[in-house]
Amino acid sequence: MTATVPAPAARRVFGVLGKKAVVPWLFLAPGLLLALVFKFWPMAKGIWLSFFDVRPFLGDQWIGLDNYTRVLADHRFQDAIGHTLVLGLGQSLGAILLGFALALLLEGQARSLKILRTAVFLPAVTATAVVGELWRLMYYPTSDGLLNSGLHLLGLGPVQFLDNPDIALYSTMAMGIWIWAPYNMVILLAGLAGVDRSLYEAAAMDGVSLWQRLRYITLPAIRPALMIVLTLATIRGLRVFTEVYVLTGGGPAGSTDVWMTRAYTLGFTRNDIGGASAASVVLLCVTLLLTVMVNYLRKRGEAR
């Protein structure tokens, strides 16, 4: 004989399963709706507009890939590519190295270390615009500025940190490193917390040097955390905007102009919405490509 489930019992079972399936989506619905309205729909609209000559009140005209051709052939965008790569690479490497050093120094359970970690993490949770204004004051080009007053004590003249085309990009890079190093520190601290302490004890008994402990114990153990930091740093490096916009606005003479500031200028200063959309789509594609490459290298390294 085949056992049958009474209809009321079956309805109760399916009712419970249905509630379990629906309840999580009800909690996710507000966030998904906000993401759809303010992220995914504007993204899709930007991709659509990149194929048009956008003419408000006159009607958009389809021009295919002309916007992409014009953006990629523009010498100012070509210069911005170089600035973006230099700034992104330097900012990412500097923030990773400084974050790793901070993680090593502030690792532990002492209460004083917890207070220090909280204080060090403050730049990462402070609005970038606020941080930019603080660094602008520090970079003040006369001897009254914080950094220039210190240089004055050493007998050095005031340095035009933001007005000199030769060093403006590196001055912006320093602020970016200061902002993102604490963020990397927190991720690397989580990785260090999972390192087996008995390995350090065995290494100390064998007389292993500090560098050898870092190379053969610490770095292999925190490789997953390092790959997460590297992925996030890659994305941030390509999408850098606020630091440059607040400090220099792309100047002087375009020496700090990055891809995002060029797209912003094209869209909101010259009202070339189609060209700005095309530039943004190119950046999106490059970001996705690099993210996939980093994840592929991470998985390949974990498989070894």
Protein backbone atom coordinates (compact mmCIF):
# COMPACT_ATOMS: atom_id res chain seq x y z
CA MET A 1 0.00 0.00 0.00
CA THR A 2 1.14 3.54 -0.71
CA ALA A 3 1.02 5.95 2.20
CA THR A 4 -0.84 9.15 1.46
CA VAL A 5 -0.58 12.48 3.24
CA PRO A 6 -3.95 13.91 4.21
CA ALA A 7 -4.83 17.01 2.25
CA PRO A 8 -4.92 19.37 5.29
CA ALA A 9 -1.48 18.11 6.41
CA ALA A 10 -0.07 18.56 2.91
CA ARG A 11 -1.41 22.09 2.77
CA ARG A 12 0.22 22.86 6.12
CA VAL A 13 3.58 21.45 4.93
CA PHE A 14 3.52 23.44 1.69
CA GLY A 15 2.33 26.51 3.59
CA VAL A 16 5.30 26.35 5.96
CA LEU A 17 7.73 25.78 3.07
CA GLY A 18 6.18 28.66 1.17
CA LYS A 19 6.58 31.02 4.14
CA LYS A 20 10.21 29.98 4.60
CA ALA A 21 10.86 30.73 0.94
CA VAL A 22 9.03 34.06 0.91
CA VAL A 23 10.12 35.60 4.23
CA PRO A 24 13.80 36.09 3.26
CA TRP A 25 12.77 37.80 0.04
CA LEU A 26 10.49 40.14 1.98
CA PHE A 27 13.47 41.28 4.05
CA LEU A 28 15.61 41.64 0.91
CA ALA A 29 12.94 43.45 -1.10
CA PRO A 30 13.63 47.04 0.15
CA GLY A 31 17.37 46.75 -0.54
CA LEU A 32 16.79 45.10 -3.91
CA LEU A 33 14.29 47.80 -4.87
CA LEU A 34 16.73 50.57 -3.95
CA ALA A 35 19.51 48.84 -5.88
CA LEU A 36 17.23 48.43 -8.91
CA VAL A 37 16.10 52.07 -8.92
CA PHE A 38 19.37 53.80 -8.01
CA LYS A 39 22.00 51.40 -9.39
CA PHE A 40 20.96 48.87 -12.00
CA TRP A 41 18.43 51.00 -13.89
CA PRO A 42 20.81 54.00 -14.17
CA MET A 43 23.55 51.59 -15.25
CA ALA A 44 21.36 50.15 -17.99
CA LYS A 45 20.28 53.66 -19.01
CA GLY A 46 23.91 54.78 -19.22
CA ILE A 47 24.79 51.85 -21.48
CA TRP A 48 21.81 52.73 -23.70
CA LEU A 49 22.74 56.43 -23.90
CA SER A 50 26.33 55.60 -24.85
CA PHE A 51 25.08 54.74 -28.35
CA PHE A 52 23.29 58.07 -28.84
CA ASP A 53 24.03 61.71 -29.40
CA VAL A 54 22.00 62.93 -26.44
CA ARG A 55 20.18 66.17 -27.31
CA PRO A 56 17.78 67.35 -24.61
CA PHE A 57 14.49 68.66 -25.98
CA LEU A 58 15.57 67.79 -29.55
CA GLY A 59 15.50 64.01 -29.36
CA ASP A 60 18.38 61.58 -29.10
CA GLN A 61 20.09 60.49 -32.32
CA TRP A 62 21.53 56.98 -32.77
CA ILE A 63 25.24 57.13 -33.64
CA GLY A 64 26.36 53.59 -32.77
CA LEU A 65 29.94 53.31 -31.56
CA ASP A 66 30.96 56.88 -32.46
CA ASN A 67 31.02 57.94 -28.80
CA TYR A 68 33.40 55.09 -27.94
CA THR A 69 35.65 55.92 -30.90
CA ARG A 70 35.73 59.59 -29.97
CA VAL A 71 36.50 58.92 -26.30
CA LEU A 72 39.27 56.41 -26.97
CA ALA A 73 40.87 58.70 -29.58
CA ASP A 74 40.78 61.79 -27.31
CA HIS A 75 44.33 62.61 -26.16
CA ARG A 76 42.99 63.92 -22.84
CA PHE A 77 41.42 60.54 -22.11
CA GLN A 78 44.66 58.85 -23.18
CA ASP A 79 46.58 61.02 -20.70
CA ALA A 80 43.95 60.24 -18.08
CA ILE A 81 44.56 56.50 -18.59
CA GLY A 82 48.21 56.96 -17.63
CA HIS A 83 47.32 59.07 -14.59
CA THR A 84 44.70 56.53 -13.52
CA LEU A 85 47.15 53.64 -13.76
CA VAL A 86 49.92 55.48 -11.89
CA LEU A 87 47.59 56.75 -9.18
CA GLY A 88 45.68 53.48 -8.84
CA LEU A 89 48.79 51.30 -8.77
CA GLY A 90 50.70 53.50 -6.33
CA GLN A 91 47.69 54.05 -4.10
CA SER A 92 46.80 50.36 -4.04
CA LEU A 93 50.32 49.07 -3.32
CA GLY A 94 50.98 51.77 -0.75
CA ALA A 95 47.69 51.13 1.07
CA ILE A 96 48.28 47.35 1.06
CA LEU A 97 51.84 47.63 2.41
CA LEU A 98 50.92 50.21 5.04
CA GLY A 99 47.80 48.28 5.99
CA PHE A 100 49.86 45.10 6.39
CA ALA A 101 52.40 46.91 8.57
CA LEU A 102 49.62 48.35 10.73
CA ALA A 103 47.98 44.93 11.04
CA LEU A 104 51.26 43.42 12.27
CA LEU A 105 51.83 46.24 14.74
CA LEU A 106 48.28 46.35 16.13
CA GLU A 107 47.54 42.63 16.26
CA GLY A 108 46.61 41.38 19.74
CA GLN A 109 43.90 41.35 22.39
CA ALA A 110 45.19 44.11 24.69
CA ARG A 111 42.67 46.84 25.42
CA SER A 112 45.14 49.56 24.42
CA LEU A 113 45.52 47.91 21.01
CA LYS A 114 41.75 47.89 20.52
CA ILE A 115 41.66 51.63 21.22
CA LEU A 116 44.54 52.22 18.80
CA ARG A 117 42.87 50.12 16.10
CA THR A 118 39.70 52.17 16.46
CA ALA A 119 41.63 55.43 16.18
CA VAL A 120 43.63 54.22 13.17
CA PHE A 121 40.44 53.08 11.41
CA LEU A 122 38.81 56.54 11.59
CA PRO A 123 40.09 57.76 8.17
CA ALA A 124 38.31 54.84 6.46
CA VAL A 125 34.91 55.80 7.90
CA THR A 126 35.29 59.56 7.45
CA ALA A 127 33.74 61.10 4.34
CA THR A 128 36.37 61.41 1.61
CA ALA A 129 35.29 65.00 0.93
CA VAL A 130 36.02 65.90 4.56
CA VAL A 131 39.38 64.14 4.46
CA GLY A 132 40.19 65.95 1.23
CA GLU A 133 39.53 69.35 2.77
CA LEU A 134 41.76 68.45 5.74
CA TRP A 135 44.58 67.43 3.41
CA ARG A 136 44.07 70.57 1.37
CA LEU A 137 44.75 72.57 4.54
CA MET A 138 47.80 70.41 5.27
CA TYR A 139 49.06 71.05 1.74
CA TYR A 140 48.53 74.83 2.03
CA PRO A 141 51.17 76.27 -0.32
CA THR A 142 52.65 78.90 2.03
CA SER A 143 54.82 78.50 5.12
CA ASP A 144 51.62 78.65 7.21
CA GLY A 145 50.55 75.22 6.01
CA LEU A 146 51.08 72.25 8.30
CA LEU A 147 53.51 70.36 6.07
CA ASN A 148 55.27 73.49 4.84
CA SER A 149 55.72 74.76 8.38
CA GLY A 150 57.54 71.50 9.18
CA LEU A 151 59.68 71.91 6.08
CA HIS A 152 60.40 75.50 7.14
CA LEU A 153 61.87 74.22 10.42
CA LEU A 154 64.25 72.11 8.33
CA GLY A 155 65.29 75.14 6.31
CA LEU A 156 63.35 74.12 3.22
CA GLY A 157 61.19 76.47 1.23
CA PRO A 158 57.42 76.05 0.84
CA VAL A 159 56.42 73.30 -1.59
CA GLN A 160 53.48 73.71 -3.97
CA PHE A 161 52.06 70.26 -3.31
CA LEU A 162 48.86 70.74 -5.32
CA ASP A 163 49.93 73.49 -7.72
CA ASN A 164 53.04 71.81 -9.10
CA PRO A 165 52.19 69.50 -12.04
CA ASP A 166 55.21 67.31 -11.24
CA ILE A 167 54.11 66.35 -7.71
CA ALA A 168 50.35 67.00 -7.58
CA LEU A 169 49.52 63.42 -8.57
CA TYR A 170 51.79 61.98 -5.88
CA SER A 171 50.34 64.35 -3.28
CA THR A 172 46.91 62.99 -4.15
CA MET A 173 48.28 59.45 -3.95
CA ALA A 174 49.52 60.08 -0.39
CA MET A 175 46.03 61.04 0.73
CA GLY A 176 44.54 57.94 -0.90
CA ILE A 177 47.03 55.69 0.87
CA TRP A 178 46.18 57.35 4.19
CA ILE A 179 42.45 56.75 3.62
CA TRP A 180 42.54 53.12 2.50
CA ALA A 181 45.40 51.65 4.54
CA PRO A 182 43.21 51.32 7.70
CA TYR A 183 40.51 49.57 5.67
CA ASN A 184 43.05 47.03 4.42
CA MET A 185 44.38 46.71 7.97
CA VAL A 186 41.04 45.43 9.27
CA ILE A 187 40.78 42.75 6.57
CA LEU A 188 44.37 41.64 7.14
CA LEU A 189 43.82 41.56 10.91
CA ALA A 190 41.00 39.08 10.30
CA GLY A 191 43.42 36.98 8.29
CA LEU A 192 46.11 37.16 10.97
CA ALA A 193 43.62 36.01 13.59
CA GLY A 194 43.39 32.64 11.80
CA VAL A 195 47.14 31.95 11.80
CA ASP A 196 48.10 28.94 13.94
CA ARG A 197 50.18 30.32 16.85
CA SER A 198 51.95 27.01 17.33
CA LEU A 199 53.73 27.62 14.03
CA TYR A 200 55.25 30.82 15.43
CA GLU A 201 56.32 28.98 18.59
CA ALA A 202 57.96 26.21 16.57
CA ALA A 203 59.70 28.78 14.37
CA ALA A 204 61.01 30.64 17.43
CA MET A 205 62.42 27.41 18.86
CA ASP A 206 64.17 26.69 15.55
CA GLY A 207 65.71 30.17 15.49
CA VAL A 208 63.86 31.32 12.39
CA SER A 209 64.33 35.00 11.55
CA LEU A 210 61.47 37.52 11.46
CA TRP A 211 61.61 37.77 7.66
CA GLN A 212 61.43 33.99 7.29
CA ARG A 213 58.40 33.85 9.61
CA LEU A 214 56.66 36.49 7.52
CA ARG A 215 57.55 34.78 4.24
CA TYR A 216 56.85 31.13 5.09
CA ILE A 217 54.17 31.36 7.80
CA THR A 218 52.31 34.68 7.82
CA LEU A 219 51.98 35.44 4.11
CA PRO A 220 50.80 31.95 3.03
CA ALA A 221 48.29 31.88 5.91
CA ILE A 222 46.72 35.24 5.03
CA ARG A 223 46.70 34.70 1.25
CA PRO A 224 42.85 34.66 1.06
CA ALA A 225 42.68 37.99 2.91
CA LEU A 226 45.39 39.43 0.66
CA MET A 227 43.47 38.42 -2.46
CA ILE A 228 40.33 40.12 -1.12
CA VAL A 229 42.34 43.28 -0.43
CA LEU A 230 43.91 43.11 -3.88
CA THR A 231 40.54 42.72 -5.60
CA LEU A 232 39.03 45.67 -3.74
CA ALA A 233 42.15 47.77 -4.33
CA THR A 234 41.99 47.05 -8.07
CA ILE A 235 38.41 48.26 -8.27
CA ARG A 236 39.10 51.35 -6.15
CA GLY A 237 42.21 52.21 -8.14
CA LEU A 238 40.35 52.33 -11.44
CA ARG A 239 37.35 54.19 -10.04
CA VAL A 240 39.28 56.85 -8.12
CA PHE A 241 37.43 60.15 -8.31
CA THR A 242 36.63 61.90 -5.04
CA GLU A 243 40.23 62.28 -3.90
CA VAL A 244 41.21 63.95 -7.17
CA TYR A 245 38.06 66.03 -7.48
CA VAL A 246 38.30 67.45 -3.95
CA LEU A 247 42.04 68.14 -3.94
CA THR A 248 42.82 69.30 -7.48
CA GLY A 249 39.76 68.91 -9.71
CA GLY A 250 42.08 67.32 -12.28
CA GLY A 251 44.57 70.19 -12.32
CA PRO A 252 46.97 71.78 -12.53
CA ALA A 253 47.03 71.68 -16.32
CA GLY A 254 45.40 68.25 -16.33
CA SER A 255 48.32 66.63 -14.47
CA THR A 256 45.97 64.78 -12.09
CA ASP A 257 43.10 64.19 -14.51
CA VAL A 258 41.95 60.57 -14.20
CA TRP A 259 39.38 58.63 -16.21
CA MET A 260 36.50 59.40 -13.86
CA THR A 261 37.19 63.14 -13.69
CA ARG A 262 37.38 63.28 -17.49
CA ALA A 263 34.03 61.49 -17.77
CA TYR A 264 32.56 63.86 -15.16
CA THR A 265 33.85 66.92 -17.02
CA LEU A 266 32.53 65.59 -20.32
CA GLY A 267 29.07 64.93 -18.93
CA PHE A 268 28.46 67.77 -16.49
CA THR A 269 30.63 70.59 -17.87
CA ARG A 270 30.37 70.05 -21.61
CA ASN A 271 26.91 68.40 -21.46
CA ASP A 272 28.14 65.52 -23.62
CA ILE A 273 26.04 62.84 -21.93
CA GLY A 274 26.62 60.27 -24.67
CA GLY A 275 30.40 60.60 -24.51
CA ALA A 276 30.41 60.50 -20.70
CA SER A 277 28.22 57.39 -20.78
CA ALA A 278 30.60 55.71 -23.23
CA ALA A 279 33.59 56.54 -21.01
CA SER A 280 31.78 55.09 -18.00
CA VAL A 281 30.90 51.91 -19.88
CA VAL A 282 34.54 51.45 -20.93
CA LEU A 283 35.60 51.82 -17.29
CA LEU A 284 32.93 49.31 -16.23
CA CYS A 285 34.16 46.75 -18.76
CA VAL A 286 37.81 47.18 -17.73
CA THR A 287 36.89 46.89 -14.04
CA LEU A 288 34.92 43.70 -14.66
CA LEU A 289 37.76 42.24 -16.73
CA LEU A 290 40.39 42.96 -14.07
CA THR A 291 38.13 41.63 -11.31
CA VAL A 292 37.65 38.38 -13.22
CA MET A 293 41.39 38.11 -13.80
CA VAL A 294 42.20 38.65 -10.12
CA ASN A 295 39.63 36.07 -9.05
CA TYR A 296 41.00 33.60 -11.61
CA LEU A 297 44.53 34.06 -10.29
CA ARG A 298 43.23 33.67 -6.72
CA LYS A 299 41.48 30.39 -7.49
CA ARG A 300 44.50 29.16 -9.45
CA GLY A 301 46.75 29.94 -6.48
CA GLU A 302 44.40 28.17 -4.04
CA ALA A 303 44.31 25.08 -6.27
CA ARG A 304 48.09 24.65 -6.09
